[in-house]
Amino acid sequence: MSSIPEGNRQGNIERFSGYENTYDRYRPSAPSQVVDILTGYLQHRPELVLDVGCGTGLSTFIWADHADSIVGVEPNEDMRSKAESKLDLQSQQGGAGRIRFMGGYSNQLDFKDASVDVVTCSQSFHWMEPVSTLAEVARVLKPGGVFAAYDCDWPPSASWQVEKAYVELLAHADDLLKERQAEQEQAVKRDKNSHLRSIIGSHRFRYAREIVFHNMETCDSERYFGLALSQGGLQTVMKLGFTELDEQIRRFQESVTDYFQGRTLDVMFSYRMRIGIK
C-alpha cells in the first residue's frame, strides 16, 4: 500500500499504531451473535466473508468455522501484523486454515464485483468515509449479500461512578488532542449514530435496519482499566507524551480497583449493529 486512496485519512490509520498488544489483550472478541444474526439474514452459509478494518482480528476469527473463506482487511501495519501472528499460531495448531489477512482500504477493496457474501466493519466504520465505502461494499457484495457495521458501547457495565470516570477520562483525552495535536495529524471519528442513515441514504441496499443486543463477559480490574487504555484517544495522548491526564488516569485506576475488590465479575457489553441487504 504505497499510497492512500482518496477519502482516507492518515491520522485515522496512524491512530492505531504502536499499541496492538494492548488492544488485542483487553478488547472483546466479536460475540457469536454476530455470526448467528448475519448468517440468518444471508439465509445460507457464506462462501466469502470480508472483515474490513479488522484490526488484530478480534472480529475475524469468529467466522473460522462458519464460512468457506474469510479475509480480514486492515490498513494499519501494526494491527495487521498482530492478526497475522495470531493466525500463524493457530495454523501451527491446525486451525484457522480458512482465514487470511491483507492490507487494504474500505473504499478500494481488491475483490471482484458481486463476489462476497458478507462484509463486516466491527468497531471501524466510524473511521471510514461512508459514501465511498458503501459504494465499494455494494460493488463487491453479491445480490442478497449482507453488510454490517457493528460496535459495542463504551464502557461496559460497572458502577455508575466507575462508568462516569471512564467517560470523563476519554472525553478529556479527546479534548486535549483537539487542543494540542496538529490538526493535520488528528483522527476524524464520525458519529456512530449516523451509520444507519448512511446505509439507507446510499440507496445501494434494498433493506436496512438496526439490531441491538448484548454479550456478557468476565472482567477484573486489570481488564477494565486496560479497556480504557486500549482507546485510541488515550493511547495517542500517551504516545505524544502529554502528561496532563496522568493524575486523572491514576484516580480512574483507583476507582476501578476499589469497585472490583480483587473479584472477577460479569460485565455487559451492549452492541449496536446496522445492517444493509443488497
C-alpha atoms as a PDB file:
ATOM      1  CA  MET A   1       0.000   0.000   0.000  1.00  0.00           C
ATOM      2  CA  SER A   2       2.209   2.754  -1.275  1.00  0.00           C
ATOM      3  CA  SER A   3      -0.444   5.472  -1.382  1.00  0.00           C
ATOM      4  CA  ILE A   4      -3.658   6.144   0.476  1.00  0.00           C
ATOM      5  CA  PRO A   5      -6.785   6.270  -1.714  1.00  0.00           C
ATOM      6  CA  GLU A   6      -8.806   9.467  -1.711  1.00  0.00           C
ATOM      7  CA  GLY A   7     -11.288   9.574   1.151  1.00  0.00           C
ATOM      8  CA  ASN A   8      -8.929   8.012   3.677  1.00  0.00           C
ATOM      9  CA  ARG A   9      -7.064   9.957   6.335  1.00  0.00           C
ATOM     10  CA  GLN A  10      -3.556   9.205   7.539  1.00  0.00           C
ATOM     11  CA  GLY A  11      -4.427  10.275  11.081  1.00  0.00           C
ATOM     12  CA  ASN A  12      -7.194   7.672  11.261  1.00  0.00           C
ATOM     13  CA  ILE A  13      -4.809   4.924  10.209  1.00  0.00           C
ATOM     14  CA  GLU A  14      -1.909   6.000  12.431  1.00  0.00           C
ATOM     15  CA  ARG A  15      -4.175   6.355  15.466  1.00  0.00           C
ATOM     16  CA  PHE A  16      -3.892   2.588  15.928  1.00  0.00           C
ATOM     17  CA  SER A  17      -0.117   2.279  15.578  1.00  0.00           C
ATOM     18  CA  GLY A  18       2.053   1.036  18.414  1.00  0.00           C
ATOM     19  CA  TYR A  19      -0.446  -0.477  20.834  1.00  0.00           C
ATOM     20  CA  GLU A  20      -1.663  -3.569  19.038  1.00  0.00           C
ATOM     21  CA  ASN A  21      -0.791  -5.784  22.016  1.00  0.00           C
ATOM     22  CA  THR A  22      -2.782  -3.682  24.487  1.00  0.00           C
ATOM     23  CA  TYR A  23      -5.684  -3.512  22.046  1.00  0.00           C
ATOM     24  CA  ASP A  24      -5.730  -7.242  21.447  1.00  0.00           C
ATOM     25  CA  ARG A  25      -5.303  -8.158  25.109  1.00  0.00           C
ATOM     26  CA  TYR A  26      -8.177  -6.137  26.521  1.00  0.00           C
ATOM     27  CA  ARG A  27     -10.715  -5.546  23.753  1.00  0.00           C
ATOM     28  CA  PRO A  28     -13.589  -8.038  23.416  1.00  0.00           C
ATOM     29  CA  SER A  29     -13.688 -10.555  20.599  1.00  0.00           C
ATOM     30  CA  ALA A  30     -16.799 -10.248  18.493  1.00  0.00           C
ATOM     31  CA  PRO A  31     -19.577 -12.304  20.104  1.00  0.00           C
ATOM     32  CA  SER A  32     -21.145 -15.346  18.477  1.00  0.00           C
ATOM     33  CA  GLN A  33     -24.399 -13.438  17.969  1.00  0.00           C
ATOM     34  CA  VAL A  34     -22.721 -11.635  15.058  1.00  0.00           C
ATOM     35  CA  VAL A  35     -22.360 -14.865  13.095  1.00  0.00           C
ATOM     36  CA  ASP A  36     -25.851 -16.033  14.028  1.00  0.00           C
ATOM     37  CA  ILE A  37     -27.541 -12.777  13.031  1.00  0.00           C
ATOM     38  CA  LEU A  38     -25.732 -12.241   9.753  1.00  0.00           C
ATOM     39  CA  THR A  39     -25.919 -15.852   8.607  1.00  0.00           C
ATOM     40  CA  GLY A  40     -29.621 -15.730   9.378  1.00  0.00           C
ATOM     41  CA  TYR A  41     -30.116 -12.724   7.118  1.00  0.00           C
ATOM     42  CA  LEU A  42     -27.951 -14.272   4.403  1.00  0.00           C
ATOM     43  CA  GLN A  43     -30.015 -17.493   4.710  1.00  0.00           C
ATOM     44  CA  HIS A  44     -27.099 -19.788   3.894  1.00  0.00           C
ATOM     45  CA  ARG A  45     -23.505 -20.467   4.880  1.00  0.00           C
ATOM     46  CA  PRO A  46     -21.308 -17.703   3.407  1.00  0.00           C
ATOM     47  CA  GLU A  47     -18.663 -18.643   0.880  1.00  0.00           C
ATOM     48  CA  LEU A  48     -16.656 -15.439   1.444  1.00  0.00           C
ATOM     49  CA  VAL A  49     -16.695 -13.007   4.374  1.00  0.00           C
ATOM     50  CA  LEU A  50     -14.730  -9.742   4.364  1.00  0.00           C
ATOM     51  CA  ASP A  51     -13.962  -8.164   7.739  1.00  0.00           C
ATOM     52  CA  VAL A  52     -12.958  -4.618   6.809  1.00  0.00           C
ATOM     53  CA  GLY A  53     -10.968  -2.582   9.325  1.00  0.00           C
ATOM     54  CA  CYS A  54     -10.359  -5.855  11.127  1.00  0.00           C
ATOM     55  CA  GLY A  55      -7.622  -4.599  13.465  1.00  0.00           C
ATOM     56  CA  THR A  56      -5.981  -7.509  15.267  1.00  0.00           C
ATOM     57  CA  GLY A  57      -8.578  -9.987  14.018  1.00  0.00           C
ATOM     58  CA  LEU A  58     -10.846  -9.957  17.068  1.00  0.00           C
ATOM     59  CA  SER A  59     -13.835  -9.786  14.715  1.00  0.00           C
ATOM     60  CA  THR A  60     -12.350 -12.080  12.059  1.00  0.00           C
ATOM     61  CA  PHE A  61     -11.569 -15.336  13.830  1.00  0.00           C
ATOM     62  CA  ILE A  62     -15.192 -15.841  14.952  1.00  0.00           C
ATOM     63  CA  TRP A  63     -16.014 -16.823  11.349  1.00  0.00           C
ATOM     64  CA  ALA A  64     -13.437 -19.636  11.190  1.00  0.00           C
ATOM     65  CA  ASP A  65     -15.975 -22.478  11.396  1.00  0.00           C
ATOM     66  CA  HIS A  66     -18.861 -20.621   9.770  1.00  0.00           C
ATOM     67  CA  ALA A  67     -17.660 -19.585   6.289  1.00  0.00           C
ATOM     68  CA  ASP A  68     -15.672 -21.182   3.491  1.00  0.00           C
ATOM     69  CA  SER A  69     -13.219 -18.266   3.258  1.00  0.00           C
ATOM     70  CA  ILE A  70     -12.625 -15.253   5.487  1.00  0.00           C
ATOM     71  CA  VAL A  71     -10.421 -12.248   4.695  1.00  0.00           C
ATOM     72  CA  GLY A  72      -9.516  -9.560   7.200  1.00  0.00           C
ATOM     73  CA  VAL A  73      -8.677  -6.229   5.544  1.00  0.00           C
ATOM     74  CA  GLU A  74      -6.651  -3.740   7.611  1.00  0.00           C
ATOM     75  CA  PRO A  75      -4.587  -0.685   6.561  1.00  0.00           C
ATOM     76  CA  ASN A  76      -2.626  -0.327   9.807  1.00  0.00           C
ATOM     77  CA  GLU A  77       0.510  -2.473   9.653  1.00  0.00           C
ATOM     78  CA  ASP A  78       0.912  -2.882  13.418  1.00  0.00           C
ATOM     79  CA  MET A  79      -2.652  -4.112  13.856  1.00  0.00           C
ATOM     80  CA  ARG A  80      -2.454  -6.376  10.818  1.00  0.00           C
ATOM     81  CA  SER A  81       0.874  -7.860  11.937  1.00  0.00           C
ATOM     82  CA  LYS A  82      -0.682  -8.804  15.266  1.00  0.00           C
ATOM     83  CA  ALA A  83      -3.565 -10.503  13.459  1.00  0.00           C
ATOM     84  CA  GLU A  84      -1.138 -12.399  11.235  1.00  0.00           C
ATOM     85  CA  SER A  85       0.947 -13.556  14.202  1.00  0.00           C
ATOM     86  CA  LYS A  86      -2.196 -14.953  15.832  1.00  0.00           C
ATOM     87  CA  LEU A  87      -3.106 -16.668  12.574  1.00  0.00           C
ATOM     88  CA  ASP A  88       0.357 -18.222  12.342  1.00  0.00           C
ATOM     89  CA  LEU A  89      -0.011 -19.614  15.854  1.00  0.00           C
ATOM     90  CA  GLN A  90      -3.444 -21.059  15.149  1.00  0.00           C
ATOM     91  CA  SER A  91      -2.265 -22.518  11.839  1.00  0.00           C
ATOM     92  CA  GLN A  92       0.550 -24.345  13.655  1.00  0.00           C
ATOM     93  CA  GLN A  93      -2.117 -25.863  15.874  1.00  0.00           C
ATOM     94  CA  GLY A  94      -4.129 -26.995  12.857  1.00  0.00           C
ATOM     95  CA  GLY A  95      -6.803 -24.293  12.866  1.00  0.00           C
ATOM     96  CA  ALA A  96      -7.803 -21.117  11.030  1.00  0.00           C
ATOM     97  CA  GLY A  97      -6.991 -22.502   7.576  1.00  0.00           C
ATOM     98  CA  ARG A  98      -9.857 -20.576   6.002  1.00  0.00           C
ATOM     99  CA  ILE A  99      -8.618 -17.166   7.187  1.00  0.00           C
ATOM    100  CA  ARG A 100      -6.133 -14.731   5.725  1.00  0.00           C
ATOM    101  CA  PHE A 101      -5.274 -11.066   6.289  1.00  0.00           C
ATOM    102  CA  MET A 102      -4.324  -8.397   3.789  1.00  0.00           C
ATOM    103  CA  GLY A 103      -3.649  -4.683   3.609  1.00  0.00           C
ATOM    104  CA  GLY A 104      -6.344  -2.555   2.068  1.00  0.00           C
ATOM    105  CA  TYR A 105      -8.850   0.253   2.401  1.00  0.00           C
ATOM    106  CA  SER A 106     -12.600   0.195   2.794  1.00  0.00           C
ATOM    107  CA  ASN A 107     -13.208   2.160  -0.409  1.00  0.00           C
ATOM    108  CA  GLN A 108     -10.701   0.232  -2.525  1.00  0.00           C
ATOM    109  CA  LEU A 109     -11.258  -3.487  -1.979  1.00  0.00           C
ATOM    110  CA  ASP A 110      -9.248  -5.891  -4.114  1.00  0.00           C
ATOM    111  CA  PHE A 111     -12.175  -8.193  -4.868  1.00  0.00           C
ATOM    112  CA  LYS A 112     -14.331  -8.783  -7.926  1.00  0.00           C
ATOM    113  CA  ASP A 113     -17.821  -7.413  -8.402  1.00  0.00           C
ATOM    114  CA  ALA A 114     -20.540  -9.483  -6.721  1.00  0.00           C
ATOM    115  CA  SER A 115     -18.061 -11.925  -5.172  1.00  0.00           C
ATOM    116  CA  VAL A 116     -18.646 -11.531  -1.417  1.00  0.00           C
ATOM    117  CA  ASP A 117     -21.478 -12.806   0.787  1.00  0.00           C
ATOM    118  CA  VAL A 118     -20.899 -10.782   3.962  1.00  0.00           C
ATOM    119  CA  VAL A 119     -18.952  -7.582   4.662  1.00  0.00           C
ATOM    120  CA  THR A 120     -18.451  -6.531   8.275  1.00  0.00           C
ATOM    121  CA  CYS A 121     -16.990  -3.451   9.910  1.00  0.00           C
ATOM    122  CA  SER A 122     -16.501  -4.094  13.616  1.00  0.00           C
ATOM    123  CA  GLN A 123     -15.660  -1.008  15.667  1.00  0.00           C
ATOM    124  CA  SER A 124     -14.340   0.541  12.452  1.00  0.00           C
ATOM    125  CA  PHE A 125     -16.982   2.086  10.177  1.00  0.00           C
ATOM    126  CA  HIS A 126     -16.838   5.407  12.045  1.00  0.00           C
ATOM    127  CA  TRP A 127     -13.205   5.778  10.896  1.00  0.00           C
ATOM    128  CA  MET A 128     -14.162   5.374   7.224  1.00  0.00           C
ATOM    129  CA  GLU A 129     -15.521   7.799   4.635  1.00  0.00           C
ATOM    130  CA  PRO A 130     -19.062   6.415   4.402  1.00  0.00           C
ATOM    131  CA  VAL A 131     -20.147   7.330   0.863  1.00  0.00           C
ATOM    132  CA  SER A 132     -17.206   5.792  -0.993  1.00  0.00           C
ATOM    133  CA  THR A 133     -17.025   2.879   1.455  1.00  0.00           C
ATOM    134  CA  LEU A 134     -20.668   1.908   0.993  1.00  0.00           C
ATOM    135  CA  ALA A 135     -20.325   2.207  -2.772  1.00  0.00           C
ATOM    136  CA  GLU A 136     -17.383  -0.184  -2.695  1.00  0.00           C
ATOM    137  CA  VAL A 137     -19.124  -2.565  -0.300  1.00  0.00           C
ATOM    138  CA  ALA A 138     -22.157  -2.689  -2.587  1.00  0.00           C
ATOM    139  CA  ARG A 139     -19.905  -3.365  -5.563  1.00  0.00           C
ATOM    140  CA  VAL A 140     -18.288  -6.466  -4.047  1.00  0.00           C
ATOM    141  CA  LEU A 141     -21.425  -7.874  -2.401  1.00  0.00           C
ATOM    142  CA  LYS A 142     -23.472 -10.491  -4.189  1.00  0.00           C
ATOM    143  CA  PRO A 143     -27.195  -9.806  -4.629  1.00  0.00           C
ATOM    144  CA  GLY A 144     -28.721 -10.655  -1.273  1.00  0.00           C
ATOM    145  CA  GLY A 145     -25.361 -10.148   0.430  1.00  0.00           C
ATOM    146  CA  VAL A 146     -25.195  -8.560   3.872  1.00  0.00           C
ATOM    147  CA  PHE A 147     -23.273  -5.528   5.128  1.00  0.00           C
ATOM    148  CA  ALA A 148     -22.973  -4.967   8.875  1.00  0.00           C
ATOM    149  CA  ALA A 149     -21.362  -2.123  10.806  1.00  0.00           C
ATOM    150  CA  TYR A 150     -21.412  -3.020  14.489  1.00  0.00           C
ATOM    151  CA  ASP A 151     -19.952  -1.508  17.636  1.00  0.00           C
ATOM    152  CA  CYS A 152     -20.105  -2.038  21.365  1.00  0.00           C
ATOM    153  CA  ASP A 153     -20.910   0.807  23.707  1.00  0.00           C
ATOM    154  CA  TRP A 154     -18.134   2.089  25.941  1.00  0.00           C
ATOM    155  CA  PRO A 155     -17.739   1.460  28.788  1.00  0.00           C
ATOM    156  CA  PRO A 156     -19.079  -1.989  29.687  1.00  0.00           C
ATOM    157  CA  SER A 157     -21.270  -2.174  32.762  1.00  0.00           C
ATOM    158  CA  ALA A 158     -19.849  -1.450  36.207  1.00  0.00           C
ATOM    159  CA  SER A 159     -20.844   1.000  38.942  1.00  0.00           C
ATOM    160  CA  TRP A 160     -22.148   4.359  37.778  1.00  0.00           C
ATOM    161  CA  GLN A 161     -19.162   6.040  39.430  1.00  0.00           C
ATOM    162  CA  VAL A 162     -16.637   3.914  37.508  1.00  0.00           C
ATOM    163  CA  GLU A 163     -18.521   4.354  34.233  1.00  0.00           C
ATOM    164  CA  LYS A 164     -18.708   8.122  34.730  1.00  0.00           C
ATOM    165  CA  ALA A 165     -14.969   8.300  35.432  1.00  0.00           C
ATOM    166  CA  TYR A 166     -14.282   6.231  32.287  1.00  0.00           C
ATOM    167  CA  VAL A 167     -16.395   8.504  30.078  1.00  0.00           C
ATOM    168  CA  GLU A 168     -14.880  11.671  31.529  1.00  0.00           C
ATOM    169  CA  LEU A 169     -11.315  10.409  31.094  1.00  0.00           C
ATOM    170  CA  LEU A 170     -11.841   9.569  27.437  1.00  0.00           C
ATOM    171  CA  ALA A 171     -13.626  12.868  26.789  1.00  0.00           C
ATOM    172  CA  HIS A 172     -10.731  14.799  28.350  1.00  0.00           C
ATOM    173  CA  ALA A 173      -8.283  12.852  26.158  1.00  0.00           C
ATOM    174  CA  ASP A 174     -10.221  13.851  23.038  1.00  0.00           C
ATOM    175  CA  ASP A 175     -10.368  17.479  24.180  1.00  0.00           C
ATOM    176  CA  LEU A 176      -6.638  17.522  24.837  1.00  0.00           C
ATOM    177  CA  LEU A 177      -5.877  16.184  21.374  1.00  0.00           C
ATOM    178  CA  LYS A 178      -8.099  18.795  19.734  1.00  0.00           C
ATOM    179  CA  GLU A 179      -6.230  21.474  21.666  1.00  0.00           C
ATOM    180  CA  ARG A 180      -2.634  20.305  21.309  1.00  0.00           C
ATOM    181  CA  GLN A 181      -2.289  17.880  18.402  1.00  0.00           C
ATOM    182  CA  ALA A 182      -1.543  19.306  14.961  1.00  0.00           C
ATOM    183  CA  GLU A 183      -4.805  19.486  13.024  1.00  0.00           C
ATOM    184  CA  GLN A 184      -3.492  17.588  10.003  1.00  0.00           C
ATOM    185  CA  GLU A 185      -2.470  14.712  12.289  1.00  0.00           C
ATOM    186  CA  GLN A 186      -5.779  14.427  14.114  1.00  0.00           C
ATOM    187  CA  ALA A 187      -8.078  11.489  13.528  1.00  0.00           C
ATOM    188  CA  VAL A 188     -11.616  12.149  12.352  1.00  0.00           C
ATOM    189  CA  LYS A 189     -14.240   9.989  14.044  1.00  0.00           C
ATOM    190  CA  ARG A 190     -17.728  10.081  12.575  1.00  0.00           C
ATOM    191  CA  ASP A 191     -20.913   9.772  14.611  1.00  0.00           C
ATOM    192  CA  LYS A 192     -21.845   6.111  15.028  1.00  0.00           C
ATOM    193  CA  ASN A 193     -25.492   7.130  15.321  1.00  0.00           C
ATOM    194  CA  SER A 194     -25.366   8.146  11.660  1.00  0.00           C
ATOM    195  CA  HIS A 195     -24.417   4.666  10.391  1.00  0.00           C
ATOM    196  CA  LEU A 196     -27.955   3.521   9.621  1.00  0.00           C
ATOM    197  CA  ARG A 197     -28.792   6.829   7.978  1.00  0.00           C
ATOM    198  CA  SER A 198     -25.689   6.492   5.794  1.00  0.00           C
ATOM    199  CA  ILE A 199     -26.645   2.950   4.747  1.00  0.00           C
ATOM    200  CA  ILE A 200     -30.193   3.996   3.860  1.00  0.00           C
ATOM    201  CA  GLY A 201     -29.047   7.203   2.192  1.00  0.00           C
ATOM    202  CA  SER A 202     -26.604   5.359  -0.054  1.00  0.00           C
ATOM    203  CA  HIS A 203     -29.578   3.843  -1.952  1.00  0.00           C
ATOM    204  CA  ARG A 204     -27.482   0.715  -2.526  1.00  0.00           C
ATOM    205  CA  PHE A 205     -29.351  -1.629  -0.208  1.00  0.00           C
ATOM    206  CA  ARG A 206     -32.868  -2.993  -0.549  1.00  0.00           C
ATOM    207  CA  TYR A 207     -33.353  -3.238   3.215  1.00  0.00           C
ATOM    208  CA  ALA A 208     -31.655  -1.731   6.259  1.00  0.00           C
ATOM    209  CA  ARG A 209     -32.208  -1.772   9.984  1.00  0.00           C
ATOM    210  CA  GLU A 210     -30.547  -1.561  13.400  1.00  0.00           C
ATOM    211  CA  ILE A 211     -30.267  -4.510  15.774  1.00  0.00           C
ATOM    212  CA  VAL A 212     -29.352  -4.124  19.439  1.00  0.00           C
ATOM    213  CA  PHE A 213     -28.034  -6.989  21.559  1.00  0.00           C
ATOM    214  CA  HIS A 214     -25.662  -7.604  24.433  1.00  0.00           C
ATOM    215  CA  ASN A 215     -22.975 -10.059  25.458  1.00  0.00           C
ATOM    216  CA  MET A 216     -21.803 -10.922  28.955  1.00  0.00           C
ATOM    217  CA  GLU A 217     -18.089 -11.382  29.614  1.00  0.00           C
ATOM    218  CA  THR A 218     -15.950 -11.778  32.697  1.00  0.00           C
ATOM    219  CA  CYS A 219     -13.783  -8.867  33.725  1.00  0.00           C
ATOM    220  CA  ASP A 220     -11.400  -7.999  36.543  1.00  0.00           C
ATOM    221  CA  SER A 221      -9.900  -4.653  37.473  1.00  0.00           C
ATOM    222  CA  GLU A 222      -6.876  -5.144  35.226  1.00  0.00           C
ATOM    223  CA  ARG A 223      -9.013  -5.747  32.167  1.00  0.00           C
ATOM    224  CA  TYR A 224     -11.458  -2.916  32.895  1.00  0.00           C
ATOM    225  CA  PHE A 225      -8.609  -0.460  33.288  1.00  0.00           C
ATOM    226  CA  GLY A 226      -6.964  -1.958  30.200  1.00  0.00           C
ATOM    227  CA  LEU A 227     -10.102  -1.338  28.165  1.00  0.00           C
ATOM    228  CA  ALA A 228      -9.735   2.356  28.850  1.00  0.00           C
ATOM    229  CA  LEU A 229      -6.043   2.195  27.932  1.00  0.00           C
ATOM    230  CA  SER A 230      -6.998   0.494  24.654  1.00  0.00           C
ATOM    231  CA  GLN A 231      -8.967   3.538  23.478  1.00  0.00           C
ATOM    232  CA  GLY A 232      -7.221   5.387  20.662  1.00  0.00           C
ATOM    233  CA  GLY A 233      -7.609   8.845  22.148  1.00  0.00           C
ATOM    234  CA  LEU A 234      -5.917   7.942  25.404  1.00  0.00           C
ATOM    235  CA  GLN A 235      -3.234   5.985  23.574  1.00  0.00           C
ATOM    236  CA  THR A 236      -2.488   8.979  21.364  1.00  0.00           C
ATOM    237  CA  VAL A 237      -2.190  11.248  24.414  1.00  0.00           C
ATOM    238  CA  MET A 238       0.359   8.868  25.932  1.00  0.00           C
ATOM    239  CA  LYS A 239       2.263   8.364  22.658  1.00  0.00           C
ATOM    240  CA  LEU A 240       2.613  12.125  22.287  1.00  0.00           C
ATOM    241  CA  GLY A 241       3.998  12.414  25.823  1.00  0.00           C
ATOM    242  CA  PHE A 242       1.222  14.648  27.155  1.00  0.00           C
ATOM    243  CA  THR A 243       1.106  14.418  30.943  1.00  0.00           C
ATOM    244  CA  GLU A 244      -1.985  16.493  31.708  1.00  0.00           C
ATOM    245  CA  LEU A 245      -4.128  13.401  32.292  1.00  0.00           C
ATOM    246  CA  ASP A 246      -1.699  11.451  34.468  1.00  0.00           C
ATOM    247  CA  GLU A 247      -3.473  12.267  37.731  1.00  0.00           C
ATOM    248  CA  GLN A 248      -6.913  11.566  36.263  1.00  0.00           C
ATOM    249  CA  ILE A 249      -5.664   8.202  34.935  1.00  0.00           C
ATOM    250  CA  ARG A 250      -4.337   7.351  38.403  1.00  0.00           C
ATOM    251  CA  ARG A 251      -7.656   8.241  40.053  1.00  0.00           C
ATOM    252  CA  PHE A 252      -9.585   6.224  37.482  1.00  0.00           C
ATOM    253  CA  GLN A 253      -7.413   3.180  38.110  1.00  0.00           C
ATOM    254  CA  GLU A 254      -8.026   3.537  41.851  1.00  0.00           C
ATOM    255  CA  SER A 255     -11.788   3.708  41.335  1.00  0.00           C
ATOM    256  CA  VAL A 256     -11.681   0.558  39.192  1.00  0.00           C
ATOM    257  CA  THR A 257      -9.603  -1.278  41.803  1.00  0.00           C
ATOM    258  CA  ASP A 258     -11.985  -0.202  44.563  1.00  0.00           C
ATOM    259  CA  TYR A 259     -15.001  -1.415  42.602  1.00  0.00           C
ATOM    260  CA  PHE A 260     -13.692  -4.862  41.684  1.00  0.00           C
ATOM    261  CA  GLN A 261     -12.132  -5.563  45.108  1.00  0.00           C
ATOM    262  CA  GLY A 262      -9.996  -8.326  43.605  1.00  0.00           C
ATOM    263  CA  ARG A 263     -13.071 -10.009  42.096  1.00  0.00           C
ATOM    264  CA  THR A 264     -13.740 -11.230  38.570  1.00  0.00           C
ATOM    265  CA  LEU A 265     -17.246 -10.097  37.645  1.00  0.00           C
ATOM    266  CA  ASP A 266     -19.687 -10.490  34.784  1.00  0.00           C
ATOM    267  CA  VAL A 267     -19.963  -7.273  32.782  1.00  0.00           C
ATOM    268  CA  MET A 268     -22.299  -6.420  29.935  1.00  0.00           C
ATOM    269  CA  PHE A 269     -21.121  -5.207  26.530  1.00  0.00           C
ATOM    270  CA  SER A 270     -24.023  -3.638  24.636  1.00  0.00           C
ATOM    271  CA  TYR A 271     -23.832  -3.863  20.829  1.00  0.00           C
ATOM    272  CA  ARG A 272     -25.480  -1.868  18.064  1.00  0.00           C
ATOM    273  CA  MET A 273     -25.457  -3.421  14.610  1.00  0.00           C
ATOM    274  CA  ARG A 274     -26.560  -1.577  11.489  1.00  0.00           C
ATOM    275  CA  ILE A 275     -27.175  -3.858   8.535  1.00  0.00           C
ATOM    276  CA  GLY A 276     -27.902  -3.425   4.837  1.00  0.00           C
ATOM    277  CA  ILE A 277     -29.099  -6.149   2.463  1.00  0.00           C
ATOM    278  CA  LYS A 278     -28.019  -5.662  -1.157  1.00  0.00           C
END
